[in-house]
Amino acid sequence: MKYRFPNCKIEKVLTSILLKTNTAVKISKKINSTQSSVIEVLRILESYNLITKEKTGRVKIITLTEKGKRAQELLIELKGLML
């Protein structure tokens, strides 16, 4: 039986950052979510050192750390196993 991977905002946010969507506003538009929920996910990811934020002018540029890239890869692998 095939299992569906849950609709996980963390996975969507990590994937968006990996694809160079690098601000909270852009991520929220890309994954069709509110900016406040994206910011909450970003706080969680930052607390686990999966992302870094660098303020450039008025915006914060978000990038994945090596640990974040590995977490995103593992999520893709897990998704593949569940299909």
Protein backbone atom coordinates (compact mmCIF):
# COMPACT_ATOMS: atom_id res chain seq x y z
CA MET A 1 0.00 0.00 0.00
CA LYS A 2 1.28 3.46 -0.87
CA TYR A 3 1.42 6.11 1.81
CA ARG A 4 1.06 9.78 1.18
CA PHE A 5 3.74 12.04 2.58
CA PRO A 6 2.05 14.50 4.95
CA ASN A 7 1.59 18.10 3.86
CA CYS A 8 4.57 19.38 5.77
CA LYS A 9 5.43 23.06 5.78
CA ILE A 10 8.94 22.37 7.02
CA GLU A 11 9.67 20.29 3.92
CA LYS A 12 8.16 22.94 1.66
CA VAL A 13 10.15 25.73 3.31
CA LEU A 14 13.42 23.78 3.11
CA THR A 15 12.80 22.98 -0.55
CA SER A 16 11.97 26.61 -1.32
CA ILE A 17 15.18 27.81 0.32
CA LEU A 18 17.16 25.18 -1.57
CA LEU A 19 15.63 26.50 -4.81
CA LYS A 20 16.92 29.99 -3.96
CA THR A 21 13.66 31.43 -2.68
CA ASN A 22 15.44 33.38 0.00
CA THR A 23 13.05 35.69 1.88
CA ALA A 24 10.07 34.93 4.10
CA VAL A 25 7.72 36.86 1.78
CA LYS A 26 8.87 34.93 -1.31
CA ILE A 27 8.67 31.60 0.51
CA SER A 28 5.14 32.31 1.75
CA LYS A 29 4.00 33.13 -1.79
CA LYS A 30 5.74 30.09 -3.28
CA ILE A 31 4.22 27.58 -0.84
CA ASN A 32 0.88 29.39 -0.59
CA SER A 33 1.05 29.96 3.15
CA THR A 34 0.80 32.94 5.43
CA GLN A 35 3.95 34.92 6.15
CA SER A 36 3.47 34.47 9.91
CA SER A 37 3.38 30.66 9.66
CA VAL A 38 6.48 30.69 7.43
CA ILE A 39 8.29 32.90 9.94
CA GLU A 40 7.38 30.44 12.72
CA VAL A 41 8.79 27.54 10.67
CA LEU A 42 11.92 29.59 9.97
CA ARG A 43 12.38 30.17 13.71
CA ILE A 44 12.20 26.42 14.31
CA LEU A 45 14.66 25.71 11.50
CA GLU A 46 17.04 28.36 12.81
CA SER A 47 16.88 26.93 16.34
CA TYR A 48 18.14 23.60 14.93
CA ASN A 49 20.85 25.39 12.90
CA LEU A 50 19.30 24.28 9.61
CA ILE A 51 19.21 27.82 8.19
CA THR A 52 20.98 31.12 8.60
CA LYS A 53 19.54 34.60 8.22
CA GLU A 54 21.60 37.55 7.08
CA LYS A 55 20.12 41.03 7.11
CA THR A 56 20.77 42.87 3.86
CA GLY A 57 19.18 46.29 3.91
CA ARG A 58 15.58 45.83 4.97
CA VAL A 59 15.33 42.13 4.16
CA LYS A 60 16.72 38.98 5.75
CA ILE A 61 18.30 36.61 3.26
CA ILE A 62 17.78 32.97 4.26
CA THR A 63 20.18 30.20 3.31
CA LEU A 64 20.45 26.54 4.19
CA THR A 65 23.38 25.40 6.29
CA GLU A 66 25.14 22.13 5.44
CA LYS A 67 23.03 20.51 8.16
CA GLY A 68 19.89 22.00 6.55
CA LYS A 69 20.86 20.69 3.11
CA ARG A 70 21.34 17.22 4.58
CA ALA A 71 17.96 17.39 6.36
CA GLN A 72 16.29 18.36 3.09
CA GLU A 73 17.99 15.47 1.28
CA LEU A 74 16.81 13.05 3.98
CA LEU A 75 13.24 14.32 3.65
CA ILE A 76 13.38 13.64 -0.10
CA GLU A 77 14.71 10.13 0.55
CA LEU A 78 11.98 9.48 3.13
CA LYS A 79 9.33 10.74 0.73
CA GLY A 80 10.68 8.37 -1.94
CA LEU A 81 10.50 5.41 0.44
CA MET A 82 6.90 6.16 1.28
CA LEU A 83 5.68 6.29 -2.34
